[in-house]
Amino acid sequence: MKPGKEKFISIAVMVGFLIALAGCRAHVVKLNLINTSTQPVKTIIVDYPNATFGKDKLAPGETFSYTIKPLDTGMIHVQFTDATGTVHTYTGTTLHKGSRGEIEVNLNQSGVVVKPSVKD
């Protein structure tokens, strides 16, 4: 086989692999933590089925995105502290193993507003 032909076959195989990979549906949920207030929020903790993540603080208007892969069924729990030191909590939005989509978590000085767009 000619050297140019081997390179062409390698590239064709790689392109085919990338096309097949692009067709796969990842079963993940993107969580967007958004500080919608004019003051910072801090000590943000997000619990979801079988795992937890956190963020030290979010400045006013700042967004932090985190991708999770639900491995079990359960609710999301969000806790954070506002600028005056008051702790706010939210429990809701049930995730299932294999859920996919996006959840917008708006944090402000009076609480949490969650906008889920998740499919099981």
PDB file of N, CA and C in Angstrom:
ATOM      1  N   MET A   1       0.839  -1.176   0.000  1.00  0.00           N
ATOM      2  CA  MET A   1       0.000   0.000   0.000  1.00  0.00           C
ATOM      3  C   MET A   1       0.892   1.249   0.000  1.00  0.00           C
ATOM      4  N   LYS A   2       0.505   2.244  -0.757  1.00  0.00           N
ATOM      5  CA  LYS A   2       1.275   3.467  -0.848  1.00  0.00           C
ATOM      6  C   LYS A   2       1.138   4.279   0.441  1.00  0.00           C
ATOM      7  N   PRO A   3       2.197   5.004   0.862  1.00  0.00           N
ATOM      8  CA  PRO A   3       2.149   5.801   2.092  1.00  0.00           C
ATOM      9  C   PRO A   3       1.001   6.814   2.117  1.00  0.00           C
ATOM     10  N   GLY A   4       0.670   7.428   1.030  1.00  0.00           N
ATOM     11  CA  GLY A   4      -0.422   8.402   0.985  1.00  0.00           C
ATOM     12  C   GLY A   4      -1.774   7.751   1.235  1.00  0.00           C
ATOM     13  N   LYS A   5      -1.927   6.515   0.738  1.00  0.00           N
ATOM     14  CA  LYS A   5      -3.181   5.795   0.901  1.00  0.00           C
ATOM     15  C   LYS A   5      -3.395   5.395   2.363  1.00  0.00           C
ATOM     16  N   GLU A   6      -2.325   5.009   3.055  1.00  0.00           N
ATOM     17  CA  GLU A   6      -2.420   4.653   4.482  1.00  0.00           C
ATOM     18  C   GLU A   6      -2.871   5.852   5.303  1.00  0.00           C
ATOM     19  N   LYS A   7      -2.322   7.016   4.986  1.00  0.00           N
ATOM     20  CA  LYS A   7      -2.693   8.230   5.704  1.00  0.00           C
ATOM     21  C   LYS A   7      -4.176   8.552   5.472  1.00  0.00           C
ATOM     22  N   PHE A   8      -4.623   8.394   4.213  1.00  0.00           N
ATOM     23  CA  PHE A   8      -6.024   8.652   3.889  1.00  0.00           C
ATOM     24  C   PHE A   8      -6.944   7.712   4.666  1.00  0.00           C
ATOM     25  N   ILE A   9      -6.590   6.424   4.731  1.00  0.00           N
ATOM     26  CA  ILE A   9      -7.408   5.442   5.458  1.00  0.00           C
ATOM     27  C   ILE A   9      -7.445   5.792   6.941  1.00  0.00           C
ATOM     28  N   SER A  10      -6.310   6.181   7.515  1.00  0.00           N
ATOM     29  CA  SER A  10      -6.265   6.562   8.930  1.00  0.00           C
ATOM     30  C   SER A  10      -7.167   7.753   9.209  1.00  0.00           C
ATOM     31  N   ILE A  11      -7.114   8.738   8.330  1.00  0.00           N
ATOM     32  CA  ILE A  11      -7.962   9.924   8.510  1.00  0.00           C
ATOM     33  C   ILE A  11      -9.436   9.550   8.361  1.00  0.00           C
ATOM     34  N   ALA A  12      -9.762   8.701   7.387  1.00  0.00           N
ATOM     35  CA  ALA A  12     -11.145   8.275   7.180  1.00  0.00           C
ATOM     36  C   ALA A  12     -11.674   7.521   8.401  1.00  0.00           C
ATOM     37  N   VAL A  13     -10.849   6.657   8.985  1.00  0.00           N
ATOM     38  CA  VAL A  13     -11.260   5.918  10.187  1.00  0.00           C
ATOM     39  C   VAL A  13     -11.492   6.890  11.338  1.00  0.00           C
ATOM     40  N   MET A  14     -10.605   7.859  11.511  1.00  0.00           N
ATOM     41  CA  MET A  14     -10.738   8.829  12.586  1.00  0.00           C
ATOM     42  C   MET A  14     -11.997   9.672  12.414  1.00  0.00           C
ATOM     43  N   VAL A  15     -12.274  10.118  11.203  1.00  0.00           N
ATOM     44  CA  VAL A  15     -13.482  10.904  10.941  1.00  0.00           C
ATOM     45  C   VAL A  15     -14.729  10.072  11.238  1.00  0.00           C
ATOM     46  N   GLY A  16     -14.724   8.813  10.824  1.00  0.00           N
ATOM     47  CA  GLY A  16     -15.853   7.928  11.117  1.00  0.00           C
ATOM     48  C   GLY A  16     -16.069   7.753  12.608  1.00  0.00           C
ATOM     49  N   PHE A  17     -14.983   7.601  13.355  1.00  0.00           N
ATOM     50  CA  PHE A  17     -15.071   7.468  14.809  1.00  0.00           C
ATOM     51  C   PHE A  17     -15.652   8.735  15.427  1.00  0.00           C
ATOM     52  N   LEU A  18     -15.202   9.901  14.994  1.00  0.00           N
ATOM     53  CA  LEU A  18     -15.702  11.159  15.545  1.00  0.00           C
ATOM     54  C   LEU A  18     -17.179  11.367  15.230  1.00  0.00           C
ATOM     55  N   ILE A  19     -17.604  10.980  14.043  1.00  0.00           N
ATOM     56  CA  ILE A  19     -19.026  11.087  13.691  1.00  0.00           C
ATOM     57  C   ILE A  19     -19.861  10.166  14.573  1.00  0.00           C
ATOM     58  N   ALA A  20     -19.385   8.950  14.790  1.00  0.00           N
ATOM     59  CA  ALA A  20     -20.111   8.010  15.657  1.00  0.00           C
ATOM     60  C   ALA A  20     -20.164   8.527  17.092  1.00  0.00           C
ATOM     61  N   LEU A  21     -19.078   9.083  17.555  1.00  0.00           N
ATOM     62  CA  LEU A  21     -19.026   9.618  18.915  1.00  0.00           C
ATOM     63  C   LEU A  21     -19.976  10.795  19.072  1.00  0.00           C
ATOM     64  N   ALA A  22     -20.080  11.639  18.071  1.00  0.00           N
ATOM     65  CA  ALA A  22     -20.972  12.796  18.124  1.00  0.00           C
ATOM     66  C   ALA A  22     -22.428  12.372  18.209  1.00  0.00           C
ATOM     67  N   GLY A  23     -22.754  11.207  17.689  1.00  0.00           N
ATOM     68  CA  GLY A  23     -24.130  10.731  17.729  1.00  0.00           C
ATOM     69  C   GLY A  23     -24.539  10.160  19.074  1.00  0.00           C
ATOM     70  N   CYS A  24     -23.585   9.903  19.953  1.00  0.00           N
ATOM     71  CA  CYS A  24     -23.897   9.358  21.276  1.00  0.00           C
ATOM     72  C   CYS A  24     -24.511  10.434  22.149  1.00  0.00           C
ATOM     73  N   ARG A  25     -25.502  10.055  22.941  1.00  0.00           N
ATOM     74  CA  ARG A  25     -26.118  10.988  23.861  1.00  0.00           C
ATOM     75  C   ARG A  25     -25.516  10.795  25.241  1.00  0.00           C
ATOM     76  N   ALA A  26     -24.901  11.826  25.738  1.00  0.00           N
ATOM     77  CA  ALA A  26     -24.339  11.766  27.079  1.00  0.00           C
ATOM     78  C   ALA A  26     -25.461  11.979  28.079  1.00  0.00           C
ATOM     79  N   HIS A  27     -25.511  11.153  29.066  1.00  0.00           N
ATOM     80  CA  HIS A  27     -26.533  11.266  30.097  1.00  0.00           C
ATOM     81  C   HIS A  27     -25.967  12.072  31.252  1.00  0.00           C
ATOM     82  N   VAL A  28     -25.871  13.381  31.024  1.00  0.00           N
ATOM     83  CA  VAL A  28     -25.353  14.297  32.028  1.00  0.00           C
ATOM     84  C   VAL A  28     -26.312  15.481  32.164  1.00  0.00           C
ATOM     85  N   VAL A  29     -26.184  16.154  33.293  1.00  0.00           N
ATOM     86  CA  VAL A  29     -26.986  17.340  33.563  1.00  0.00           C
ATOM     87  C   VAL A  29     -26.020  18.485  33.855  1.00  0.00           C
ATOM     88  N   LYS A  30     -26.190  19.576  33.168  1.00  0.00           N
ATOM     89  CA  LYS A  30     -25.370  20.763  33.406  1.00  0.00           C
ATOM     90  C   LYS A  30     -26.099  21.655  34.398  1.00  0.00           C
ATOM     91  N   LEU A  31     -25.454  21.923  35.531  1.00  0.00           N
ATOM     92  CA  LEU A  31     -26.011  22.830  36.536  1.00  0.00           C
ATOM     93  C   LEU A  31     -25.330  24.178  36.396  1.00  0.00           C
ATOM     94  N   ASN A  32     -26.121  25.218  36.243  1.00  0.00           N
ATOM     95  CA  ASN A  32     -25.603  26.581  36.154  1.00  0.00           C
ATOM     96  C   ASN A  32     -26.000  27.319  37.424  1.00  0.00           C
ATOM     97  N   LEU A  33     -25.024  27.627  38.264  1.00  0.00           N
ATOM     98  CA  LEU A  33     -25.261  28.423  39.463  1.00  0.00           C
ATOM     99  C   LEU A  33     -25.071  29.879  39.066  1.00  0.00           C
ATOM    100  N   ILE A  34     -26.107  30.700  39.255  1.00  0.00           N
ATOM    101  CA  ILE A  34     -26.065  32.091  38.817  1.00  0.00           C
ATOM    102  C   ILE A  34     -26.423  32.998  39.990  1.00  0.00           C
ATOM    103  N   ASN A  35     -25.541  33.927  40.308  1.00  0.00           N
ATOM    104  CA  ASN A  35     -25.845  34.922  41.344  1.00  0.00           C
ATOM    105  C   ASN A  35     -26.597  36.055  40.658  1.00  0.00           C
ATOM    106  N   THR A  36     -27.904  36.117  40.873  1.00  0.00           N
ATOM    107  CA  THR A  36     -28.739  37.127  40.228  1.00  0.00           C
ATOM    108  C   THR A  36     -28.908  38.371  41.095  1.00  0.00           C
ATOM    109  N   SER A  37     -28.193  38.436  42.217  1.00  0.00           N
ATOM    110  CA  SER A  37     -28.326  39.585  43.109  1.00  0.00           C
ATOM    111  C   SER A  37     -27.204  40.593  42.897  1.00  0.00           C
ATOM    112  N   THR A  38     -27.275  41.696  43.628  1.00  0.00           N
ATOM    113  CA  THR A  38     -26.265  42.755  43.522  1.00  0.00           C
ATOM    114  C   THR A  38     -25.178  42.613  44.575  1.00  0.00           C
ATOM    115  N   GLN A  39     -25.229  41.535  45.359  1.00  0.00           N
ATOM    116  CA  GLN A  39     -24.212  41.281  46.375  1.00  0.00           C
ATOM    117  C   GLN A  39     -23.706  39.843  46.220  1.00  0.00           C
ATOM    118  N   PRO A  40     -22.518  39.550  46.744  1.00  0.00           N
ATOM    119  CA  PRO A  40     -21.986  38.195  46.601  1.00  0.00           C
ATOM    120  C   PRO A  40     -22.760  37.170  47.435  1.00  0.00           C
ATOM    121  N   VAL A  41     -22.684  35.922  46.994  1.00  0.00           N
ATOM    122  CA  VAL A  41     -23.177  34.792  47.781  1.00  0.00           C
ATOM    123  C   VAL A  41     -21.987  33.865  47.985  1.00  0.00           C
ATOM    124  N   LYS A  42     -21.997  33.100  49.082  1.00  0.00           N
ATOM    125  CA  LYS A  42     -20.830  32.265  49.376  1.00  0.00           C
ATOM    126  C   LYS A  42     -21.224  30.925  49.963  1.00  0.00           C
ATOM    127  N   THR A  43     -20.232  30.091  50.145  1.00  0.00           N
ATOM    128  CA  THR A  43     -20.372  28.744  50.700  1.00  0.00           C
ATOM    129  C   THR A  43     -21.548  28.011  50.057  1.00  0.00           C
ATOM    130  N   ILE A  44     -21.454  27.836  48.759  1.00  0.00           N
ATOM    131  CA  ILE A  44     -22.519  27.190  47.985  1.00  0.00           C
ATOM    132  C   ILE A  44     -22.242  25.693  47.940  1.00  0.00           C
ATOM    133  N   ILE A  45     -23.219  24.910  48.368  1.00  0.00           N
ATOM    134  CA  ILE A  45     -23.094  23.447  48.386  1.00  0.00           C
ATOM    135  C   ILE A  45     -24.268  22.863  47.615  1.00  0.00           C
ATOM    136  N   VAL A  46     -23.976  21.986  46.674  1.00  0.00           N
ATOM    137  CA  VAL A  46     -25.014  21.314  45.885  1.00  0.00           C
ATOM    138  C   VAL A  46     -24.863  19.810  46.092  1.00  0.00           C
ATOM    139  N   ASP A  47     -25.887  19.200  46.671  1.00  0.00           N
ATOM    140  CA  ASP A  47     -25.951  17.744  46.838  1.00  0.00           C
ATOM    141  C   ASP A  47     -26.893  17.201  45.775  1.00  0.00           C
ATOM    142  N   TYR A  48     -26.487  16.122  45.148  1.00  0.00           N
ATOM    143  CA  TYR A  48     -27.341  15.419  44.190  1.00  0.00           C
ATOM    144  C   TYR A  48     -27.116  13.934  44.405  1.00  0.00           C
ATOM    145  N   PRO A  49     -27.922  13.061  43.816  1.00  0.00           N
ATOM    146  CA  PRO A  49     -27.824  11.625  44.125  1.00  0.00           C
ATOM    147  C   PRO A  49     -26.387  11.093  44.062  1.00  0.00           C
ATOM    148  N   ASN A  50     -25.887  10.666  45.201  1.00  0.00           N
ATOM    149  CA  ASN A  50     -24.571  10.034  45.370  1.00  0.00           C
ATOM    150  C   ASN A  50     -23.363  10.950  45.236  1.00  0.00           C
ATOM    151  N   ALA A  51     -23.540  12.265  45.246  1.00  0.00           N
ATOM    152  CA  ALA A  51     -22.375  13.141  45.141  1.00  0.00           C
ATOM    153  C   ALA A  51     -22.698  14.555  45.609  1.00  0.00           C
ATOM    154  N   THR A  52     -21.636  15.351  45.752  1.00  0.00           N
ATOM    155  CA  THR A  52     -21.739  16.736  46.194  1.00  0.00           C
ATOM    156  C   THR A  52     -20.660  17.555  45.496  1.00  0.00           C
ATOM    157  N   PHE A  53     -20.959  18.810  45.218  1.00  0.00           N
ATOM    158  CA  PHE A  53     -19.922  19.745  44.789  1.00  0.00           C
ATOM    159  C   PHE A  53     -20.218  21.090  45.416  1.00  0.00           C
ATOM    160  N   GLY A  54     -19.246  21.968  45.406  1.00  0.00           N
ATOM    161  CA  GLY A  54     -19.439  23.269  46.012  1.00  0.00           C
ATOM    162  C   GLY A  54     -18.663  24.352  45.297  1.00  0.00           C
ATOM    163  N   LYS A  55     -18.961  25.565  45.671  1.00  0.00           N
ATOM    164  CA  LYS A  55     -18.291  26.756  45.136  1.00  0.00           C
ATOM    165  C   LYS A  55     -18.146  27.725  46.301  1.00  0.00           C
ATOM    166  N   ASP A  56     -16.945  28.249  46.481  1.00  0.00           N
ATOM    167  CA  ASP A  56     -16.666  29.134  47.603  1.00  0.00           C
ATOM    168  C   ASP A  56     -17.528  30.388  47.574  1.00  0.00           C
ATOM    169  N   LYS A  57     -17.555  31.080  46.444  1.00  0.00           N
ATOM    170  CA  LYS A  57     -18.408  32.271  46.345  1.00  0.00           C
ATOM    171  C   LYS A  57     -18.668  32.621  44.892  1.00  0.00           C
ATOM    172  N   LEU A  58     -19.738  33.384  44.696  1.00  0.00           N
ATOM    173  CA  LEU A  58     -20.083  33.914  43.380  1.00  0.00           C
ATOM    174  C   LEU A  58     -20.287  35.417  43.519  1.00  0.00           C
ATOM    175  N   ALA A  59     -19.627  36.180  42.689  1.00  0.00           N
ATOM    176  CA  ALA A  59     -19.803  37.630  42.667  1.00  0.00           C
ATOM    177  C   ALA A  59     -21.154  37.957  42.024  1.00  0.00           C
ATOM    178  N   PRO A  60     -21.655  39.161  42.221  1.00  0.00           N
ATOM    179  CA  PRO A  60     -22.913  39.549  41.581  1.00  0.00           C
ATOM    180  C   PRO A  60     -22.850  39.349  40.064  1.00  0.00           C
ATOM    181  N   GLY A  61     -23.856  38.676  39.519  1.00  0.00           N
ATOM    182  CA  GLY A  61     -23.923  38.419  38.087  1.00  0.00           C
ATOM    183  C   GLY A  61     -23.056  37.272  37.593  1.00  0.00           C
ATOM    184  N   GLU A  62     -22.262  36.665  38.456  1.00  0.00           N
ATOM    185  CA  GLU A  62     -21.362  35.586  38.043  1.00  0.00           C
ATOM    186  C   GLU A  62     -22.112  34.262  37.880  1.00  0.00           C
ATOM    187  N   THR A  63     -21.662  33.450  36.922  1.00  0.00           N
ATOM    188  CA  THR A  63     -22.212  32.116  36.677  1.00  0.00           C
ATOM    189  C   THR A  63     -21.105  31.092  36.832  1.00  0.00           C
ATOM    190  N   PHE A  64     -21.446  29.973  37.477  1.00  0.00           N
ATOM    191  CA  PHE A  64     -20.533  28.838  37.590  1.00  0.00           C
ATOM    192  C   PHE A  64     -21.268  27.623  37.060  1.00  0.00           C
ATOM    193  N   SER A  65     -20.700  26.933  36.076  1.00  0.00           N
ATOM    194  CA  SER A  65     -21.334  25.753  35.484  1.00  0.00           C
ATOM    195  C   SER A  65     -20.581  24.504  35.903  1.00  0.00           C
ATOM    196  N   TYR A  66     -21.350  23.442  36.172  1.00  0.00           N
ATOM    197  CA  TYR A  66     -20.782  22.175  36.613  1.00  0.00           C
ATOM    198  C   TYR A  66     -21.617  21.060  36.002  1.00  0.00           C
ATOM    199  N   THR A  67     -20.975  20.083  35.415  1.00  0.00           N
ATOM    200  CA  THR A  67     -21.683  18.970  34.782  1.00  0.00           C
ATOM    201  C   THR A  67     -21.669  17.760  35.707  1.00  0.00           C
ATOM    202  N   ILE A  68     -22.851  17.181  35.915  1.00  0.00           N
ATOM    203  CA  ILE A  68     -22.969  16.001  36.772  1.00  0.00           C
ATOM    204  C   ILE A  68     -23.548  14.841  35.966  1.00  0.00           C
ATOM    205  N   LYS A  69     -23.295  13.638  36.440  1.00  0.00           N
ATOM    206  CA  LYS A  69     -23.859  12.436  35.830  1.00  0.00           C
ATOM    207  C   LYS A  69     -24.631  11.704  36.926  1.00  0.00           C
ATOM    208  N   PRO A  70     -25.957  11.852  36.943  1.00  0.00           N
ATOM    209  CA  PRO A  70     -26.744  11.176  37.977  1.00  0.00           C
ATOM    210  C   PRO A  70     -26.620   9.655  37.854  1.00  0.00           C
ATOM    211  N   LEU A  71     -26.238   9.011  38.950  1.00  0.00           N
ATOM    212  CA  LEU A  71     -26.086   7.555  38.983  1.00  0.00           C
ATOM    213  C   LEU A  71     -27.168   6.881  39.804  1.00  0.00           C
ATOM    214  N   ASP A  72     -28.092   7.672  40.327  1.00  0.00           N
ATOM    215  CA  ASP A  72     -29.174   7.148  41.157  1.00  0.00           C
ATOM    216  C   ASP A  72     -30.318   8.154  41.112  1.00  0.00           C
ATOM    217  N   THR A  73     -31.431   7.824  41.754  1.00  0.00           N
ATOM    218  CA  THR A  73     -32.568   8.725  41.836  1.00  0.00           C
ATOM    219  C   THR A  73     -32.524   9.482  43.154  1.00  0.00           C
ATOM    220  N   GLY A  74     -32.795  10.766  43.080  1.00  0.00           N
ATOM    221  CA  GLY A  74     -32.838  11.586  44.286  1.00  0.00           C
ATOM    222  C   GLY A  74     -33.014  13.044  43.932  1.00  0.00           C
ATOM    223  N   MET A  75     -33.214  13.849  44.977  1.00  0.00           N
ATOM    224  CA  MET A  75     -33.438  15.276  44.787  1.00  0.00           C
ATOM    225  C   MET A  75     -32.139  16.064  44.878  1.00  0.00           C
ATOM    226  N   ILE A  76     -32.172  17.227  44.280  1.00  0.00           N
ATOM    227  CA  ILE A  76     -31.070  18.175  44.393  1.00  0.00           C
ATOM    228  C   ILE A  76     -31.309  19.010  45.651  1.00  0.00           C
ATOM    229  N   HIS A  77     -30.251  19.225  46.414  1.00  0.00           N
ATOM    230  CA  HIS A  77     -30.292  20.091  47.589  1.00  0.00           C
ATOM    231  C   HIS A  77     -29.252  21.184  47.373  1.00  0.00           C
ATOM    232  N   VAL A  78     -29.668  22.441  47.515  1.00  0.00           N
ATOM    233  CA  VAL A  78     -28.761  23.574  47.360  1.00  0.00           C
ATOM    234  C   VAL A  78     -28.770  24.368  48.653  1.00  0.00           C
ATOM    235  N   GLN A  79     -27.578  24.732  49.110  1.00  0.00           N
ATOM    236  CA  GLN A  79     -27.454  25.564  50.306  1.00  0.00           C
ATOM    237  C   GLN A  79     -26.407  26.636  50.020  1.00  0.00           C
ATOM    238  N   PHE A  80     -26.677  27.867  50.470  1.00  0.00           N
ATOM    239  CA  PHE A  80     -25.697  28.945  50.313  1.00  0.00           C
ATOM    240  C   PHE A  80     -25.932  29.998  51.387  1.00  0.00           C
ATOM    241  N   THR A  81     -24.944  30.867  51.542  1.00  0.00           N
ATOM    242  CA  THR A  81     -25.018  31.950  52.516  1.00  0.00           C
ATOM    243  C   THR A  81     -25.047  33.275  51.765  1.00  0.00           C
ATOM    244  N   ASP A  82     -25.994  34.147  52.154  1.00  0.00           N
ATOM    245  CA  ASP A  82     -26.083  35.453  51.491  1.00  0.00           C
ATOM    246  C   ASP A  82     -25.109  36.446  52.121  1.00  0.00           C
ATOM    247  N   ALA A  83     -25.155  37.692  51.671  1.00  0.00           N
ATOM    248  CA  ALA A  83     -24.201  38.713  52.121  1.00  0.00           C
ATOM    249  C   ALA A  83     -24.357  39.077  53.595  1.00  0.00           C
ATOM    250  N   THR A  84     -25.538  38.822  54.183  1.00  0.00           N
ATOM    251  CA  THR A  84     -25.741  39.144  55.601  1.00  0.00           C
ATOM    252  C   THR A  84     -25.432  37.967  56.515  1.00  0.00           C
ATOM    253  N   GLY A  85     -25.071  36.814  55.936  1.00  0.00           N
ATOM    254  CA  GLY A  85     -24.758  35.631  56.731  1.00  0.00           C
ATOM    255  C   GLY A  85     -25.922  34.668  56.906  1.00  0.00           C
ATOM    256  N   THR A  86     -27.055  34.953  56.293  1.00  0.00           N
ATOM    257  CA  THR A  86     -28.218  34.074  56.369  1.00  0.00           C
ATOM    258  C   THR A  86     -28.036  32.886  55.436  1.00  0.00           C
ATOM    259  N   VAL A  87     -28.318  31.690  55.942  1.00  0.00           N
ATOM    260  CA  VAL A  87     -28.205  30.471  55.144  1.00  0.00           C
ATOM    261  C   VAL A  87     -29.551  30.185  54.486  1.00  0.00           C
ATOM    262  N   HIS A  88     -29.521  29.934  53.190  1.00  0.00           N
ATOM    263  CA  HIS A  88     -30.722  29.606  52.419  1.00  0.00           C
ATOM    264  C   HIS A  88     -30.584  28.181  51.889  1.00  0.00           C
ATOM    265  N   THR A  89     -31.710  27.466  51.816  1.00  0.00           N
ATOM    266  CA  THR A  89     -31.690  26.100  51.298  1.00  0.00           C
ATOM    267  C   THR A  89     -32.817  25.891  50.293  1.00  0.00           C
ATOM    268  N   TYR A  90     -32.598  24.927  49.429  1.00  0.00           N
ATOM    269  CA  TYR A  90     -33.593  24.513  48.444  1.00  0.00           C
ATOM    270  C   TYR A  90     -33.501  22.998  48.324  1.00  0.00           C
ATOM    271  N   THR A  91     -34.649  22.348  48.304  1.00  0.00           N
ATOM    272  CA  THR A  91     -34.711  20.910  48.044  1.00  0.00           C
ATOM    273  C   THR A  91     -35.790  20.682  47.002  1.00  0.00           C
ATOM    274  N   GLY A  92     -35.444  19.987  45.943  1.00  0.00           N
ATOM    275  CA  GLY A  92     -36.412  19.715  44.892  1.00  0.00           C
ATOM    276  C   GLY A  92     -35.719  19.277  43.627  1.00  0.00           C
ATOM    277  N   THR A  93     -36.434  19.259  42.540  1.00  0.00           N
ATOM    278  CA  THR A  93     -35.955  18.803  41.237  1.00  0.00           C
ATOM    279  C   THR A  93     -35.335  17.410  41.366  1.00  0.00           C
ATOM    280  N   THR A  94     -36.150  16.412  41.159  1.00  0.00           N
ATOM    281  CA  THR A  94     -35.690  15.032  41.258  1.00  0.00           C
ATOM    282  C   THR A  94     -34.946  14.621  39.992  1.00  0.00           C
ATOM    283  N   LEU A  95     -33.780  14.034  40.196  1.00  0.00           N
ATOM    284  CA  LEU A  95     -32.994  13.469  39.099  1.00  0.00           C
ATOM    285  C   LEU A  95     -33.072  11.952  39.163  1.00  0.00           C
ATOM    286  N   HIS A  96     -32.970  11.321  38.014  1.00  0.00           N
ATOM    287  CA  HIS A  96     -32.958   9.863  37.917  1.00  0.00           C
ATOM    288  C   HIS A  96     -31.675   9.430  37.230  1.00  0.00           C
ATOM    289  N   LYS A  97     -31.295   8.191  37.438  1.00  0.00           N
ATOM    290  CA  LYS A  97     -30.144   7.656  36.725  1.00  0.00           C
ATOM    291  C   LYS A  97     -30.396   7.841  35.232  1.00  0.00           C
ATOM    292  N   GLY A  98     -29.444   8.434  34.541  1.00  0.00           N
ATOM    293  CA  GLY A  98     -29.592   8.660  33.116  1.00  0.00           C
ATOM    294  C   GLY A  98     -30.258   9.975  32.752  1.00  0.00           C
ATOM    295  N   SER A  99     -30.635  10.797  33.736  1.00  0.00           N
ATOM    296  CA  SER A  99     -31.214  12.104  33.411  1.00  0.00           C
ATOM    297  C   SER A  99     -30.226  12.907  32.579  1.00  0.00           C
ATOM    298  N   ARG A 100     -30.766  13.774  31.725  1.00  0.00           N
ATOM    299  CA  ARG A 100     -29.916  14.643  30.932  1.00  0.00           C
ATOM    300  C   ARG A 100     -30.629  15.979  30.735  1.00  0.00           C
ATOM    301  N   GLY A 101     -29.835  17.001  30.553  1.00  0.00           N
ATOM    302  CA  GLY A 101     -30.405  18.328  30.343  1.00  0.00           C
ATOM    303  C   GLY A 101     -29.637  19.398  31.080  1.00  0.00           C
ATOM    304  N   GLU A 102     -30.378  20.387  31.548  1.00  0.00           N
ATOM    305  CA  GLU A 102     -29.753  21.543  32.178  1.00  0.00           C
ATOM    306  C   GLU A 102     -30.650  22.059  33.300  1.00  0.00           C
ATOM    307  N   ILE A 103     -30.027  22.548  34.352  1.00  0.00           N
ATOM    308  CA  ILE A 103     -30.766  23.149  35.463  1.00  0.00           C
ATOM    309  C   ILE A 103     -30.130  24.495  35.774  1.00  0.00           C
ATOM    310  N   GLU A 104     -30.943  25.536  35.739  1.00  0.00           N
ATOM    311  CA  GLU A 104     -30.483  26.876  36.095  1.00  0.00           C
ATOM    312  C   GLU A 104     -30.856  27.117  37.554  1.00  0.00           C
ATOM    313  N   VAL A 105     -29.852  27.415  38.374  1.00  0.00           N
ATOM    314  CA  VAL A 105     -30.058  27.668  39.799  1.00  0.00           C
ATOM    315  C   VAL A 105     -29.711  29.132  40.052  1.00  0.00           C
ATOM    316  N   ASN A 106     -30.758  29.955  40.204  1.00  0.00           N
ATOM    317  CA  ASN A 106     -30.562  31.378  40.442  1.00  0.00           C
ATOM    318  C   ASN A 106     -30.522  31.636  41.938  1.00  0.00           C
ATOM    319  N   LEU A 107     -29.396  32.173  42.395  1.00  0.00           N
ATOM    320  CA  LEU A 107     -29.208  32.486  43.811  1.00  0.00           C
ATOM    321  C   LEU A 107     -29.322  33.993  43.990  1.00  0.00           C
ATOM    322  N   ASN A 108     -30.070  34.406  45.012  1.00  0.00           N
ATOM    323  CA  ASN A 108     -30.149  35.832  45.316  1.00  0.00           C
ATOM    324  C   ASN A 108     -30.202  36.004  46.835  1.00  0.00           C
ATOM    325  N   GLN A 109     -30.295  37.197  47.297  1.00  0.00           N
ATOM    326  CA  GLN A 109     -30.224  37.462  48.729  1.00  0.00           C
ATOM    327  C   GLN A 109     -31.459  36.984  49.493  1.00  0.00           C
ATOM    328  N   SER A 110     -32.509  36.580  48.793  1.00  0.00           N
ATOM    329  CA  SER A 110     -33.701  36.093  49.489  1.00  0.00           C
ATOM    330  C   SER A 110     -33.988  34.616  49.261  1.00  0.00           C
ATOM    331  N   GLY A 111     -33.159  33.924  48.484  1.00  0.00           N
ATOM    332  CA  GLY A 111     -33.389  32.497  48.296  1.00  0.00           C
ATOM    333  C   GLY A 111     -32.897  31.961  46.974  1.00  0.00           C
ATOM    334  N   VAL A 112     -33.537  30.879  46.535  1.00  0.00           N
ATOM    335  CA  VAL A 112     -33.143  30.152  45.331  1.00  0.00           C
ATOM    336  C   VAL A 112     -34.346  30.031  44.397  1.00  0.00           C
ATOM    337  N   VAL A 113     -34.115  30.239  43.122  1.00  0.00           N
ATOM    338  CA  VAL A 113     -35.124  29.990  42.090  1.00  0.00           C
ATOM    339  C   VAL A 113     -34.499  29.007  41.114  1.00  0.00           C
ATOM    340  N   VAL A 114     -35.138  27.847  40.944  1.00  0.00           N
ATOM    341  CA  VAL A 114     -34.581  26.796  40.079  1.00  0.00           C
ATOM    342  C   VAL A 114     -35.438  26.635  38.849  1.00  0.00           C
ATOM    343  N   LYS A 115     -34.759  26.560  37.687  1.00  0.00           N
ATOM    344  CA  LYS A 115     -35.443  26.376  36.405  1.00  0.00           C
ATOM    345  C   LYS A 115     -34.877  25.133  35.745  1.00  0.00           C
ATOM    346  N   PRO A 116     -35.539  23.977  35.978  1.00  0.00           N
ATOM    347  CA  PRO A 116     -35.024  22.739  35.386  1.00  0.00           C
ATOM    348  C   PRO A 116     -35.505  22.522  33.958  1.00  0.00           C
ATOM    349  N   SER A 117     -34.633  21.929  33.166  1.00  0.00           N
ATOM    350  CA  SER A 117     -34.970  21.494  31.818  1.00  0.00           C
ATOM    351  C   SER A 117     -34.274  20.129  31.644  1.00  0.00           C
ATOM    352  N   VAL A 118     -34.872  19.118  32.304  1.00  0.00           N
ATOM    353  CA  VAL A 118     -34.247  17.811  32.407  1.00  0.00           C
ATOM    354  C   VAL A 118     -35.189  16.740  31.859  1.00  0.00           C
ATOM    355  N   LYS A 119     -34.601  15.782  31.148  1.00  0.00           N
ATOM    356  CA  LYS A 119     -35.340  14.621  30.644  1.00  0.00           C
ATOM    357  C   LYS A 119     -34.754  13.368  31.256  1.00  0.00           C
ATOM    358  N   ASP A 120     -35.617  12.405  31.516  1.00  0.00           N
ATOM    359  CA  ASP A 120     -35.154  11.113  32.064  1.00  0.00           C
ATOM    360  C   ASP A 120     -34.876  10.131  30.959  1.00  0.00           C
TER     361      ASP A 120
END
